[in-house]
Amino acid sequence: MAKKKKSIDLSLREILFSLEETTSKAIRFYPHNMTVDIFYDYYSTKKQLKNIPFAHIPKNIKKIIKPN
C-alpha cells in the first residue's frame, strides 16, 4: 500500500499571487492529491479559504512550491 505524503505548510513563506483578478495567498499544499489551500481575496475583509487544483495556479508559483 502506498504511503500518503504529508501536507506542506506554506503560510510562513508569504506566497501571494493573482487569481481571477484577486490577490490570493497559498496556505498549504497537499502532494497526495495535488491541491493547494489558498486564502481567496487576501486583502479584503472577508477572506475565503478555497482548495484548488495545483494546475490552476500560475507557473511562477508552481516553481516556488515544487511538488517533487
Protein backbone atom coordinates (compact mmCIF):
# COMPACT_ATOMS: atom_id res chain seq x y z
CA MET A 1 0.00 0.00 0.00
CA ALA A 2 1.33 3.43 -0.94
CA LYS A 3 2.07 5.94 1.78
CA LYS A 4 0.34 9.31 1.77
CA LYS A 5 2.70 12.24 1.55
CA LYS A 6 2.33 14.79 4.31
CA SER A 7 0.97 18.22 3.52
CA ILE A 8 3.41 21.12 3.20
CA ASP A 9 2.71 24.28 5.19
CA LEU A 10 3.26 27.40 3.04
CA SER A 11 1.75 30.02 5.34
CA LEU A 12 5.09 31.31 6.63
CA ARG A 13 6.52 31.81 3.13
CA GLU A 14 4.13 34.67 2.09
CA ILE A 15 3.38 33.29 -1.39
CA LEU A 16 0.98 35.84 -2.94
CA PHE A 17 -0.35 35.64 -6.49
CA SER A 18 -3.19 36.91 -8.64
CA LEU A 19 -6.04 34.52 -9.39
CA GLU A 20 -9.23 35.58 -11.20
CA GLU A 21 -8.34 39.28 -10.74
CA THR A 22 -7.99 38.96 -6.95
CA THR A 23 -4.99 38.50 -4.71
CA SER A 24 -4.59 35.06 -3.17
CA LYS A 25 -2.17 33.59 -0.65
CA ALA A 26 -1.02 29.96 -0.66
CA ILE A 27 -1.53 28.32 2.75
CA ARG A 28 -0.99 24.56 2.39
CA PHE A 29 -0.02 22.13 -0.39
CA TYR A 30 -1.30 18.53 -0.46
CA PRO A 31 1.01 16.42 -2.66
CA HIS A 32 -1.08 13.22 -2.42
CA ASN A 33 -3.96 14.81 -4.35
CA MET A 34 -2.08 17.80 -5.90
CA THR A 35 -4.26 20.56 -4.43
CA VAL A 36 -3.47 23.86 -2.72
CA ASP A 37 -5.38 25.65 0.04
CA ILE A 38 -5.50 29.38 -0.59
CA PHE A 39 -6.96 32.46 1.04
CA TYR A 40 -9.03 33.96 -1.76
CA ASP A 41 -9.46 37.78 -1.72
CA TYR A 42 -6.49 38.07 0.65
CA TYR A 43 -6.63 41.86 1.09
CA SER A 44 -10.40 42.13 1.55
CA THR A 45 -12.20 41.98 4.88
CA LYS A 46 -13.87 38.64 4.05
CA LYS A 47 -11.09 36.11 3.44
CA GLN A 48 -12.33 32.85 2.00
CA LEU A 49 -10.43 29.58 2.24
CA LYS A 50 -10.54 27.60 -1.01
CA ASN A 51 -8.98 24.34 -2.13
CA ILE A 52 -7.92 24.50 -5.78
CA PRO A 53 -6.04 22.09 -8.07
CA PHE A 54 -2.29 22.65 -8.34
CA ALA A 55 -2.62 23.02 -12.11
CA HIS A 56 -4.73 26.19 -11.74
CA ILE A 57 -2.08 28.30 -10.01
CA PRO A 58 0.38 30.45 -12.04
CA LYS A 59 3.53 28.86 -13.41
CA ASN A 60 5.93 31.05 -11.42
CA ILE A 61 4.23 29.99 -8.16
CA LYS A 62 4.47 26.32 -9.15
CA LYS A 63 8.25 26.72 -9.36
CA ILE A 64 8.31 28.07 -5.78
CA ILE A 65 6.21 25.24 -4.33
CA LYS A 66 7.97 22.41 -6.28
CA PRO A 67 5.76 19.32 -5.75
CA ASN A 68 8.52 16.78 -6.49
